[in-house]
Full PDB file with SEQRES, HELIX, SHEET, SSBOND, CRYST1, ORIGX, SCALE, CONECT and MASTER records, all heavy atoms in Angstrom:
SEQRES   1 A   40  ALA MET VAL ASN GLY PHE GLY LEU ALA HIS GLY GLY TYR          
SEQRES   2 A   40  LEU PHE LEU LEU ALA ASP THR ALA PHE ALA TYR ALA CYS          
SEQRES   3 A   40  ASN SER ARG ASP SER VAL THR VAL ALA ALA ALA ALA ASP          
SEQRES   4 A   40  VAL                                                          
HELIX    1 AA1 GLY A   11  CYS A   26  1                                  16    
CRYST1    1.000    1.000    1.000  90.00  90.00  90.00 P 1           1          
ORIGX1      1.000000  0.000000  0.000000        0.00000                         
ORIGX2      0.000000  1.000000  0.000000        0.00000                         
ORIGX3      0.000000  0.000000  1.000000        0.00000                         
SCALE1      1.000000  0.000000  0.000000        0.00000                         
SCALE2      0.000000  1.000000  0.000000        0.00000                         
SCALE3      0.000000  0.000000  1.000000        0.00000                         
ATOM      1  N   ALA A   1     -28.817 -52.526 -21.610  1.00  0.00           N  
ATOM      2  CA  ALA A   1     -29.485 -51.825 -22.713  1.00  0.00           C  
ATOM      3  C   ALA A   1     -30.482 -50.777 -22.215  1.00  0.00           C  
ATOM      4  O   ALA A   1     -30.903 -49.914 -22.983  1.00  0.00           O  
ATOM      5  CB  ALA A   1     -30.193 -52.823 -23.620  1.00  0.00           C  
ATOM      6  N   MET A   2     -30.865 -50.825 -20.945  1.00  0.00           N  
ATOM      7  CA  MET A   2     -31.848 -49.904 -20.375  1.00  0.00           C  
ATOM      8  C   MET A   2     -31.211 -48.735 -19.638  1.00  0.00           C  
ATOM      9  O   MET A   2     -31.912 -47.894 -19.073  1.00  0.00           O  
ATOM     10  CB  MET A   2     -32.772 -50.661 -19.408  1.00  0.00           C  
ATOM     11  CG  MET A   2     -33.583 -51.747 -20.044  1.00  0.00           C  
ATOM     12  SD  MET A   2     -34.487 -52.649 -18.762  1.00  0.00           S  
ATOM     13  CE  MET A   2     -35.274 -53.912 -19.746  1.00  0.00           C  
ATOM     14  N   VAL A   3     -29.875 -48.676 -19.621  1.00  0.00           N  
ATOM     15  CA  VAL A   3     -29.159 -47.657 -18.856  1.00  0.00           C  
ATOM     16  C   VAL A   3     -28.734 -46.526 -19.787  1.00  0.00           C  
ATOM     17  O   VAL A   3     -28.243 -46.762 -20.890  1.00  0.00           O  
ATOM     18  CB  VAL A   3     -27.941 -48.293 -18.150  1.00  0.00           C  
ATOM     19  CG1 VAL A   3     -27.088 -47.258 -17.451  1.00  0.00           C  
ATOM     20  CG2 VAL A   3     -28.416 -49.352 -17.157  1.00  0.00           C  
ATOM     21  N   ASN A   4     -28.922 -45.289 -19.328  1.00  0.00           N  
ATOM     22  CA  ASN A   4     -28.555 -44.124 -20.132  1.00  0.00           C  
ATOM     23  C   ASN A   4     -27.079 -43.756 -19.959  1.00  0.00           C  
ATOM     24  O   ASN A   4     -26.328 -44.453 -19.275  1.00  0.00           O  
ATOM     25  CB  ASN A   4     -29.474 -42.932 -19.811  1.00  0.00           C  
ATOM     26  CG  ASN A   4     -29.319 -42.424 -18.387  1.00  0.00           C  
ATOM     27  OD1 ASN A   4     -28.308 -42.616 -17.733  1.00  0.00           O  
ATOM     28  ND2 ASN A   4     -30.357 -41.753 -17.904  1.00  0.00           N  
ATOM     29  N   GLY A   5     -26.675 -42.628 -20.524  1.00  0.00           N  
ATOM     30  CA  GLY A   5     -25.288 -42.196 -20.487  1.00  0.00           C  
ATOM     31  C   GLY A   5     -24.779 -41.787 -19.121  1.00  0.00           C  
ATOM     32  O   GLY A   5     -23.585 -41.560 -18.932  1.00  0.00           O  
ATOM     33  N   PHE A   6     -25.678 -41.685 -18.145  1.00  0.00           N  
ATOM     34  CA  PHE A   6     -25.279 -41.351 -16.779  1.00  0.00           C  
ATOM     35  C   PHE A   6     -25.221 -42.586 -15.879  1.00  0.00           C  
ATOM     36  O   PHE A   6     -25.029 -42.481 -14.668  1.00  0.00           O  
ATOM     37  CB  PHE A   6     -26.251 -40.326 -16.170  1.00  0.00           C  
ATOM     38  CG  PHE A   6     -26.298 -39.047 -16.952  1.00  0.00           C  
ATOM     39  CD1 PHE A   6     -27.427 -38.705 -17.657  1.00  0.00           C  
ATOM     40  CD2 PHE A   6     -25.195 -38.198 -17.000  1.00  0.00           C  
ATOM     41  CE1 PHE A   6     -27.476 -37.534 -18.392  1.00  0.00           C  
ATOM     42  CE2 PHE A   6     -25.232 -37.024 -17.731  1.00  0.00           C  
ATOM     43  CZ  PHE A   6     -26.377 -36.693 -18.436  1.00  0.00           C  
ATOM     44  N   GLY A   7     -25.429 -43.778 -16.478  1.00  0.00           N  
ATOM     45  CA  GLY A   7     -25.396 -45.013 -15.704  1.00  0.00           C  
ATOM     46  C   GLY A   7     -26.669 -45.282 -14.924  1.00  0.00           C  
ATOM     47  O   GLY A   7     -26.688 -46.112 -14.021  1.00  0.00           O  
ATOM     48  N   LEU A   8     -27.744 -44.570 -15.296  1.00  0.00           N  
ATOM     49  CA  LEU A   8     -29.035 -44.721 -14.610  1.00  0.00           C  
ATOM     50  C   LEU A   8     -30.040 -45.377 -15.538  1.00  0.00           C  
ATOM     51  O   LEU A   8     -29.963 -45.221 -16.764  1.00  0.00           O  
ATOM     52  CB  LEU A   8     -29.562 -43.343 -14.196  1.00  0.00           C  
ATOM     53  CG  LEU A   8     -28.615 -42.468 -13.373  1.00  0.00           C  
ATOM     54  CD1 LEU A   8     -29.226 -41.090 -13.175  1.00  0.00           C  
ATOM     55  CD2 LEU A   8     -28.301 -43.134 -12.057  1.00  0.00           C  
ATOM     56  N   ALA A   9     -31.000 -46.072 -14.952  1.00  0.00           N  
ATOM     57  CA  ALA A   9     -32.077 -46.636 -15.767  1.00  0.00           C  
ATOM     58  C   ALA A   9     -32.788 -45.492 -16.481  1.00  0.00           C  
ATOM     59  O   ALA A   9     -33.158 -44.489 -15.866  1.00  0.00           O  
ATOM     60  CB  ALA A   9     -33.055 -47.409 -14.888  1.00  0.00           C  
ATOM     61  N   HIS A  10     -32.939 -45.626 -17.784  1.00  0.00           N  
ATOM     62  CA  HIS A  10     -33.617 -44.608 -18.596  1.00  0.00           C  
ATOM     63  C   HIS A  10     -35.068 -44.489 -18.132  1.00  0.00           C  
ATOM     64  O   HIS A  10     -35.748 -45.487 -17.909  1.00  0.00           O  
ATOM     65  CB  HIS A  10     -33.555 -45.022 -20.066  1.00  0.00           C  
ATOM     66  CG  HIS A  10     -33.993 -43.977 -21.012  1.00  0.00           C  
ATOM     67  ND1 HIS A  10     -35.296 -43.590 -21.133  1.00  0.00           N  
ATOM     68  CD2 HIS A  10     -33.284 -43.224 -21.883  1.00  0.00           C  
ATOM     69  CE1 HIS A  10     -35.383 -42.647 -22.051  1.00  0.00           C  
ATOM     70  NE2 HIS A  10     -34.166 -42.401 -22.524  1.00  0.00           N  
ATOM     71  N   GLY A  11     -35.525 -43.258 -17.984  1.00  0.00           N  
ATOM     72  CA  GLY A  11     -36.889 -43.016 -17.515  1.00  0.00           C  
ATOM     73  C   GLY A  11     -37.952 -43.668 -18.374  1.00  0.00           C  
ATOM     74  O   GLY A  11     -39.006 -44.061 -17.877  1.00  0.00           O  
ATOM     75  N   GLY A  12     -37.689 -43.799 -19.662  1.00  0.00           N  
ATOM     76  CA  GLY A  12     -38.653 -44.442 -20.540  1.00  0.00           C  
ATOM     77  C   GLY A  12     -38.920 -45.888 -20.161  1.00  0.00           C  
ATOM     78  O   GLY A  12     -40.050 -46.375 -20.245  1.00  0.00           O  
ATOM     79  N   TYR A  13     -37.890 -46.583 -19.699  1.00  0.00           N  
ATOM     80  CA  TYR A  13     -38.071 -47.972 -19.274  1.00  0.00           C  
ATOM     81  C   TYR A  13     -38.827 -48.048 -17.952  1.00  0.00           C  
ATOM     82  O   TYR A  13     -39.624 -48.970 -17.732  1.00  0.00           O  
ATOM     83  CB  TYR A  13     -36.732 -48.699 -19.171  1.00  0.00           C  
ATOM     84  CG  TYR A  13     -36.135 -48.999 -20.524  1.00  0.00           C  
ATOM     85  CD1 TYR A  13     -35.062 -48.256 -21.002  1.00  0.00           C  
ATOM     86  CD2 TYR A  13     -36.649 -49.995 -21.329  1.00  0.00           C  
ATOM     87  CE1 TYR A  13     -34.518 -48.518 -22.247  1.00  0.00           C  
ATOM     88  CE2 TYR A  13     -36.117 -50.272 -22.573  1.00  0.00           C  
ATOM     89  CZ  TYR A  13     -35.053 -49.524 -23.034  1.00  0.00           C  
ATOM     90  OH  TYR A  13     -34.527 -49.775 -24.275  1.00  0.00           O  
ATOM     91  N   LEU A  14     -38.590 -47.089 -17.065  1.00  0.00           N  
ATOM     92  CA  LEU A  14     -39.332 -47.052 -15.804  1.00  0.00           C  
ATOM     93  C   LEU A  14     -40.806 -46.786 -16.077  1.00  0.00           C  
ATOM     94  O   LEU A  14     -41.686 -47.419 -15.479  1.00  0.00           O  
ATOM     95  CB  LEU A  14     -38.745 -45.991 -14.873  1.00  0.00           C  
ATOM     96  CG  LEU A  14     -37.276 -46.160 -14.511  1.00  0.00           C  
ATOM     97  CD1 LEU A  14     -36.803 -44.990 -13.666  1.00  0.00           C  
ATOM     98  CD2 LEU A  14     -37.021 -47.486 -13.831  1.00  0.00           C  
ATOM     99  N   PHE A  15     -41.064 -45.846 -16.983  1.00  0.00           N  
ATOM    100  CA  PHE A  15     -42.446 -45.554 -17.379  1.00  0.00           C  
ATOM    101  C   PHE A  15     -43.088 -46.794 -17.990  1.00  0.00           C  
ATOM    102  O   PHE A  15     -44.232 -47.137 -17.677  1.00  0.00           O  
ATOM    103  CB  PHE A  15     -42.470 -44.377 -18.375  1.00  0.00           C  
ATOM    104  CG  PHE A  15     -43.848 -43.918 -18.729  1.00  0.00           C  
ATOM    105  CD1 PHE A  15     -44.417 -42.832 -18.074  1.00  0.00           C  
ATOM    106  CD2 PHE A  15     -44.581 -44.537 -19.726  1.00  0.00           C  
ATOM    107  CE1 PHE A  15     -45.698 -42.390 -18.407  1.00  0.00           C  
ATOM    108  CE2 PHE A  15     -45.860 -44.114 -20.056  1.00  0.00           C  
ATOM    109  CZ  PHE A  15     -46.413 -43.030 -19.399  1.00  0.00           C  
ATOM    110  N   LEU A  16     -42.344 -47.470 -18.866  1.00  0.00           N  
ATOM    111  CA  LEU A  16     -42.863 -48.658 -19.531  1.00  0.00           C  
ATOM    112  C   LEU A  16     -43.239 -49.748 -18.531  1.00  0.00           C  
ATOM    113  O   LEU A  16     -44.290 -50.392 -18.662  1.00  0.00           O  
ATOM    114  CB  LEU A  16     -41.833 -49.174 -20.530  1.00  0.00           C  
ATOM    115  CG  LEU A  16     -42.277 -50.308 -21.427  1.00  0.00           C  
ATOM    116  CD1 LEU A  16     -41.669 -50.144 -22.810  1.00  0.00           C  
ATOM    117  CD2 LEU A  16     -41.889 -51.640 -20.844  1.00  0.00           C  
ATOM    118  N   LEU A  17     -42.403 -49.957 -17.522  1.00  0.00           N  
ATOM    119  CA  LEU A  17     -42.714 -50.953 -16.498  1.00  0.00           C  
ATOM    120  C   LEU A  17     -44.003 -50.585 -15.772  1.00  0.00           C  
ATOM    121  O   LEU A  17     -44.896 -51.424 -15.597  1.00  0.00           O  
ATOM    122  CB  LEU A  17     -41.561 -51.090 -15.508  1.00  0.00           C  
ATOM    123  CG  LEU A  17     -41.813 -52.029 -14.324  1.00  0.00           C  
ATOM    124  CD1 LEU A  17     -42.055 -53.466 -14.779  1.00  0.00           C  
ATOM    125  CD2 LEU A  17     -40.657 -51.954 -13.337  1.00  0.00           C  
ATOM    126  N   ALA A  18     -44.118 -49.324 -15.359  1.00  0.00           N  
ATOM    127  CA  ALA A  18     -45.326 -48.868 -14.669  1.00  0.00           C  
ATOM    128  C   ALA A  18     -46.545 -48.980 -15.585  1.00  0.00           C  
ATOM    129  O   ALA A  18     -47.619 -49.422 -15.163  1.00  0.00           O  
ATOM    130  CB  ALA A  18     -45.146 -47.433 -14.182  1.00  0.00           C  
ATOM    131  N   ASP A  19     -46.387 -48.582 -16.836  1.00  0.00           N  
ATOM    132  CA  ASP A  19     -47.480 -48.638 -17.808  1.00  0.00           C  
ATOM    133  C   ASP A  19     -47.940 -50.069 -18.037  1.00  0.00           C  
ATOM    134  O   ASP A  19     -49.126 -50.335 -18.243  1.00  0.00           O  
ATOM    135  CB  ASP A  19     -47.024 -47.992 -19.115  1.00  0.00           C  
ATOM    136  CG  ASP A  19     -48.120 -47.878 -20.147  1.00  0.00           C  
ATOM    137  OD1 ASP A  19     -49.202 -47.349 -19.807  1.00  0.00           O  
ATOM    138  OD2 ASP A  19     -47.903 -48.300 -21.293  1.00  0.00           O  
ATOM    139  N   THR A  20     -47.000 -51.002 -17.977  1.00  0.00           N  
ATOM    140  CA  THR A  20     -47.348 -52.413 -18.146  1.00  0.00           C  
ATOM    141  C   THR A  20     -48.229 -52.894 -16.993  1.00  0.00           C  
ATOM    142  O   THR A  20     -49.262 -53.530 -17.217  1.00  0.00           O  
ATOM    143  CB  THR A  20     -46.068 -53.269 -18.259  1.00  0.00           C  
ATOM    144  OG1 THR A  20     -45.336 -52.839 -19.412  1.00  0.00           O  
ATOM    145  CG2 THR A  20     -46.387 -54.749 -18.363  1.00  0.00           C  
ATOM    146  N   ALA A  21     -47.829 -52.600 -15.759  1.00  0.00           N  
ATOM    147  CA  ALA A  21     -48.655 -52.989 -14.608  1.00  0.00           C  
ATOM    148  C   ALA A  21     -50.034 -52.340 -14.702  1.00  0.00           C  
ATOM    149  O   ALA A  21     -51.061 -52.980 -14.440  1.00  0.00           O  
ATOM    150  CB  ALA A  21     -47.961 -52.599 -13.305  1.00  0.00           C  
ATOM    151  N   PHE A  22     -50.064 -51.067 -15.075  1.00  0.00           N  
ATOM    152  CA  PHE A  22     -51.320 -50.336 -15.286  1.00  0.00           C  
ATOM    153  C   PHE A  22     -52.199 -51.067 -16.307  1.00  0.00           C  
ATOM    154  O   PHE A  22     -53.392 -51.298 -16.081  1.00  0.00           O  
ATOM    155  CB  PHE A  22     -50.976 -48.911 -15.745  1.00  0.00           C  
ATOM    156  CG  PHE A  22     -52.063 -48.143 -16.424  1.00  0.00           C  
ATOM    157  CD1 PHE A  22     -53.229 -47.806 -15.766  1.00  0.00           C  
ATOM    158  CD2 PHE A  22     -51.893 -47.709 -17.725  1.00  0.00           C  
ATOM    159  CE1 PHE A  22     -54.218 -47.061 -16.391  1.00  0.00           C  
ATOM    160  CE2 PHE A  22     -52.866 -46.964 -18.364  1.00  0.00           C  
ATOM    161  CZ  PHE A  22     -54.040 -46.641 -17.697  1.00  0.00           C  
ATOM    162  N   ALA A  23     -51.615 -51.457 -17.439  1.00  0.00           N  
ATOM    163  CA  ALA A  23     -52.383 -52.131 -18.489  1.00  0.00           C  
ATOM    164  C   ALA A  23     -53.018 -53.429 -18.000  1.00  0.00           C  
ATOM    165  O   ALA A  23     -54.187 -53.709 -18.278  1.00  0.00           O  
ATOM    166  CB  ALA A  23     -51.482 -52.404 -19.693  1.00  0.00           C  
ATOM    167  N   TYR A  24     -52.248 -54.212 -17.252  1.00  0.00           N  
ATOM    168  CA  TYR A  24     -52.781 -55.486 -16.771  1.00  0.00           C  
ATOM    169  C   TYR A  24     -53.852 -55.274 -15.704  1.00  0.00           C  
ATOM    170  O   TYR A  24     -54.823 -56.025 -15.639  1.00  0.00           O  
ATOM    171  CB  TYR A  24     -51.650 -56.395 -16.285  1.00  0.00           C  
ATOM    172  CG  TYR A  24     -50.934 -57.056 -17.437  1.00  0.00           C  
ATOM    173  CD1 TYR A  24     -49.987 -56.365 -18.190  1.00  0.00           C  
ATOM    174  CD2 TYR A  24     -51.228 -58.359 -17.812  1.00  0.00           C  
ATOM    175  CE1 TYR A  24     -49.339 -56.953 -19.269  1.00  0.00           C  
ATOM    176  CE2 TYR A  24     -50.595 -58.966 -18.888  1.00  0.00           C  
ATOM    177  CZ  TYR A  24     -49.663 -58.242 -19.615  1.00  0.00           C  
ATOM    178  OH  TYR A  24     -49.037 -58.845 -20.695  1.00  0.00           O  
ATOM    179  N   ALA A  25     -53.703 -54.239 -14.896  1.00  0.00           N  
ATOM    180  CA  ALA A  25     -54.724 -53.939 -13.879  1.00  0.00           C  
ATOM    181  C   ALA A  25     -56.020 -53.462 -14.529  1.00  0.00           C  
ATOM    182  O   ALA A  25     -57.107 -53.907 -14.160  1.00  0.00           O  
ATOM    183  CB  ALA A  25     -54.206 -52.893 -12.898  1.00  0.00           C  
ATOM    184  N   CYS A  26     -55.910 -52.573 -15.503  1.00  0.00           N  
ATOM    185  CA  CYS A  26     -57.147 -52.002 -16.054  1.00  0.00           C  
ATOM    186  C   CYS A  26     -57.819 -52.909 -17.071  1.00  0.00           C  
ATOM    187  O   CYS A  26     -58.979 -52.669 -17.431  1.00  0.00           O  
ATOM    188  CB  CYS A  26     -56.936 -50.583 -16.582  1.00  0.00           C  
ATOM    189  SG  CYS A  26     -55.880 -50.359 -17.981  1.00  0.00           S  
ATOM    190  N   ASN A  27     -57.165 -53.967 -17.493  1.00  0.00           N  
ATOM    191  CA  ASN A  27     -57.792 -54.940 -18.391  1.00  0.00           C  
ATOM    192  C   ASN A  27     -58.230 -56.201 -17.658  1.00  0.00           C  
ATOM    193  O   ASN A  27     -58.612 -57.181 -18.279  1.00  0.00           O  
ATOM    194  CB  ASN A  27     -56.821 -55.297 -19.518  1.00  0.00           C  
ATOM    195  CG  ASN A  27     -56.804 -54.244 -20.596  1.00  0.00           C  
ATOM    196  OD1 ASN A  27     -57.683 -54.213 -21.446  1.00  0.00           O  
ATOM    197  ND2 ASN A  27     -55.835 -53.352 -20.532  1.00  0.00           N  
ATOM    198  N   SER A  28     -58.210 -56.178 -16.339  1.00  0.00           N  
ATOM    199  CA  SER A  28     -58.451 -57.374 -15.529  1.00  0.00           C  
ATOM    200  C   SER A  28     -59.912 -57.811 -15.475  1.00  0.00           C  
ATOM    201  O   SER A  28     -60.209 -58.892 -14.987  1.00  0.00           O  
ATOM    202  CB  SER A  28     -57.949 -57.142 -14.106  1.00  0.00           C  
ATOM    203  OG  SER A  28     -58.672 -56.084 -13.491  1.00  0.00           O  
ATOM    204  N   ARG A  29     -60.800 -56.999 -15.991  1.00  0.00           N  
ATOM    205  CA  ARG A  29     -62.232 -57.335 -15.935  1.00  0.00           C  
ATOM    206  C   ARG A  29     -62.803 -57.709 -17.301  1.00  0.00           C  
ATOM    207  O   ARG A  29     -63.990 -57.599 -17.530  1.00  0.00           O  
ATOM    208  CB  ARG A  29     -62.998 -56.186 -15.301  1.00  0.00           C  
ATOM    209  CG  ARG A  29     -62.677 -56.018 -13.830  1.00  0.00           C  
ATOM    210  CD  ARG A  29     -63.600 -54.996 -13.179  1.00  0.00           C  
ATOM    211  NE  ARG A  29     -63.361 -54.946 -11.756  1.00  0.00           N  
ATOM    212  CZ  ARG A  29     -62.442 -54.176 -11.168  1.00  0.00           C  
ATOM    213  NH1 ARG A  29     -61.666 -53.400 -11.900  1.00  0.00           N  
ATOM    214  NH2 ARG A  29     -62.297 -54.185  -9.860  1.00  0.00           N  
ATOM    215  N   ASP A  30     -61.913 -58.101 -18.218  1.00  0.00           N  
ATOM    216  CA  ASP A  30     -62.306 -58.580 -19.546  1.00  0.00           C  
ATOM    217  C   ASP A  30     -62.963 -57.508 -20.409  1.00  0.00           C  
ATOM    218  O   ASP A  30     -63.852 -57.791 -21.202  1.00  0.00           O  
ATOM    219  CB  ASP A  30     -63.200 -59.815 -19.445  1.00  0.00           C  
ATOM    220  CG  ASP A  30     -63.360 -60.533 -20.781  1.00  0.00           C  
ATOM    221  OD1 ASP A  30     -62.494 -60.360 -21.659  1.00  0.00           O  
ATOM    222  OD2 ASP A  30     -64.370 -61.237 -20.957  1.00  0.00           O  
ATOM    223  N   SER A  31     -62.514 -56.286 -20.261  1.00  0.00           N  
ATOM    224  CA  SER A  31     -62.939 -55.203 -21.142  1.00  0.00           C  
ATOM    225  C   SER A  31     -61.664 -54.518 -21.632  1.00  0.00           C  
ATOM    226  O   SER A  31     -60.884 -54.011 -20.816  1.00  0.00           O  
ATOM    227  CB  SER A  31     -63.822 -54.212 -20.385  1.00  0.00           C  
ATOM    228  OG  SER A  31     -64.236 -53.168 -21.241  1.00  0.00           O  
ATOM    229  N   VAL A  32     -61.420 -54.541 -22.945  1.00  0.00           N  
ATOM    230  CA  VAL A  32     -60.205 -53.932 -23.482  1.00  0.00           C  
ATOM    231  C   VAL A  32     -60.177 -52.462 -23.080  1.00  0.00           C  
ATOM    232  O   VAL A  32     -61.100 -51.704 -23.369  1.00  0.00           O  
ATOM    233  CB  VAL A  32     -60.115 -54.082 -25.008  1.00  0.00           C  
ATOM    234  CG1 VAL A  32     -58.953 -53.269 -25.577  1.00  0.00           C  
ATOM    235  CG2 VAL A  32     -59.978 -55.556 -25.387  1.00  0.00           C  
ATOM    236  N   THR A  33     -59.125 -52.092 -22.362  1.00  0.00           N  
ATOM    237  CA  THR A  33     -58.964 -50.734 -21.841  1.00  0.00           C  
ATOM    238  C   THR A  33     -57.591 -50.235 -22.238  1.00  0.00           C  
ATOM    239  O   THR A  33     -56.595 -50.923 -22.038  1.00  0.00           O  
ATOM    240  CB  THR A  33     -59.138 -50.713 -20.314  1.00  0.00           C  
ATOM    241  OG1 THR A  33     -60.411 -51.284 -19.989  1.00  0.00           O  
ATOM    242  CG2 THR A  33     -59.067 -49.303 -19.767  1.00  0.00           C  
ATOM    243  N   VAL A  34     -57.560 -49.036 -22.806  1.00  0.00           N  
ATOM    244  CA  VAL A  34     -56.308 -48.431 -23.249  1.00  0.00           C  
ATOM    245  C   VAL A  34     -56.057 -47.153 -22.465  1.00  0.00           C  
ATOM    246  O   VAL A  34     -56.972 -46.562 -21.902  1.00  0.00           O  
ATOM    247  CB  VAL A  34     -56.326 -48.154 -24.770  1.00  0.00           C  
ATOM    248  CG1 VAL A  34     -56.436 -49.458 -25.546  1.00  0.00           C  
ATOM    249  CG2 VAL A  34     -57.459 -47.213 -25.134  1.00  0.00           C  
ATOM    250  N   ALA A  35     -54.811 -46.711 -22.464  1.00  0.00           N  
ATOM    251  CA  ALA A  35     -54.450 -45.496 -21.737  1.00  0.00           C  
ATOM    252  C   ALA A  35     -55.052 -44.275 -22.422  1.00  0.00           C  
ATOM    253  O   ALA A  35     -54.958 -44.121 -23.633  1.00  0.00           O  
ATOM    254  CB  ALA A  35     -52.935 -45.357 -21.657  1.00  0.00           C  
ATOM    255  N   ALA A  36     -55.655 -43.416 -21.630  1.00  0.00           N  
ATOM    256  CA  ALA A  36     -56.140 -42.120 -22.106  1.00  0.00           C  
ATOM    257  C   ALA A  36     -55.174 -41.025 -21.667  1.00  0.00           C  
ATOM    258  O   ALA A  36     -55.025 -40.007 -22.335  1.00  0.00           O  
ATOM    259  CB  ALA A  36     -57.540 -41.846 -21.570  1.00  0.00           C  
ATOM    260  N   ALA A  37     -54.505 -41.250 -20.531  1.00  0.00           N  
ATOM    261  CA  ALA A  37     -53.525 -40.299 -20.002  1.00  0.00           C  
ATOM    262  C   ALA A  37     -52.674 -41.006 -18.970  1.00  0.00           C  
ATOM    263  O   ALA A  37     -53.113 -41.972 -18.349  1.00  0.00           O  
ATOM    264  CB  ALA A  37     -54.229 -39.102 -19.366  1.00  0.00           C  
ATOM    265  N   ALA A  38     -51.453 -40.502 -18.788  1.00  0.00           N  
ATOM    266  CA  ALA A  38     -50.578 -41.052 -17.757  1.00  0.00           C  
ATOM    267  C   ALA A  38     -49.524 -40.014 -17.399  1.00  0.00           C  
ATOM    268  O   ALA A  38     -49.072 -39.257 -18.264  1.00  0.00           O  
ATOM    269  CB  ALA A  38     -49.907 -42.336 -18.236  1.00  0.00           C  
ATOM    270  N   ASP A  39     -49.171 -40.006 -16.128  1.00  0.00           N  
ATOM    271  CA  ASP A  39     -48.121 -39.130 -15.612  1.00  0.00           C  
ATOM    272  C   ASP A  39     -47.201 -39.957 -14.735  1.00  0.00           C  
ATOM    273  O   ASP A  39     -47.630 -40.921 -14.102  1.00  0.00           O  
ATOM    274  CB  ASP A  39     -48.712 -38.017 -14.735  1.00  0.00           C  
ATOM    275  CG  ASP A  39     -49.572 -37.050 -15.519  1.00  0.00           C  
ATOM    276  OD1 ASP A  39     -49.041 -36.399 -16.431  1.00  0.00           O  
ATOM    277  OD2 ASP A  39     -50.771 -36.955 -15.210  1.00  0.00           O  
ATOM    278  N   VAL A  40     -45.942 -39.534 -14.683  1.00  0.00           N  
ATOM    279  CA  VAL A  40     -44.987 -40.225 -13.829  1.00  0.00           C  
ATOM    280  C   VAL A  40     -44.127 -39.195 -13.100  1.00  0.00           C  
ATOM    281  O   VAL A  40     -43.824 -38.135 -13.646  1.00  0.00           O  
ATOM    282  CB  VAL A  40     -44.110 -41.216 -14.636  1.00  0.00           C  
ATOM    283  CG1 VAL A  40     -43.180 -40.490 -15.585  1.00  0.00           C  
ATOM    284  CG2 VAL A  40     -43.342 -42.152 -13.721  1.00  0.00           C  
TER     285      VAL A  40                                                      
MASTER        0    0    0    1    0    0    0    6  284    1    0    4          
END                                                                             
């Protein structure tokens, strides 16, 4: 379900995985932190 028409992982899913790790890292000090910007 994550593969596009070229048989490659869709970039949106790769971004989502990275964004998830980012979210858990920046919320690790018990202060709700949300993304202000992101690049991939």
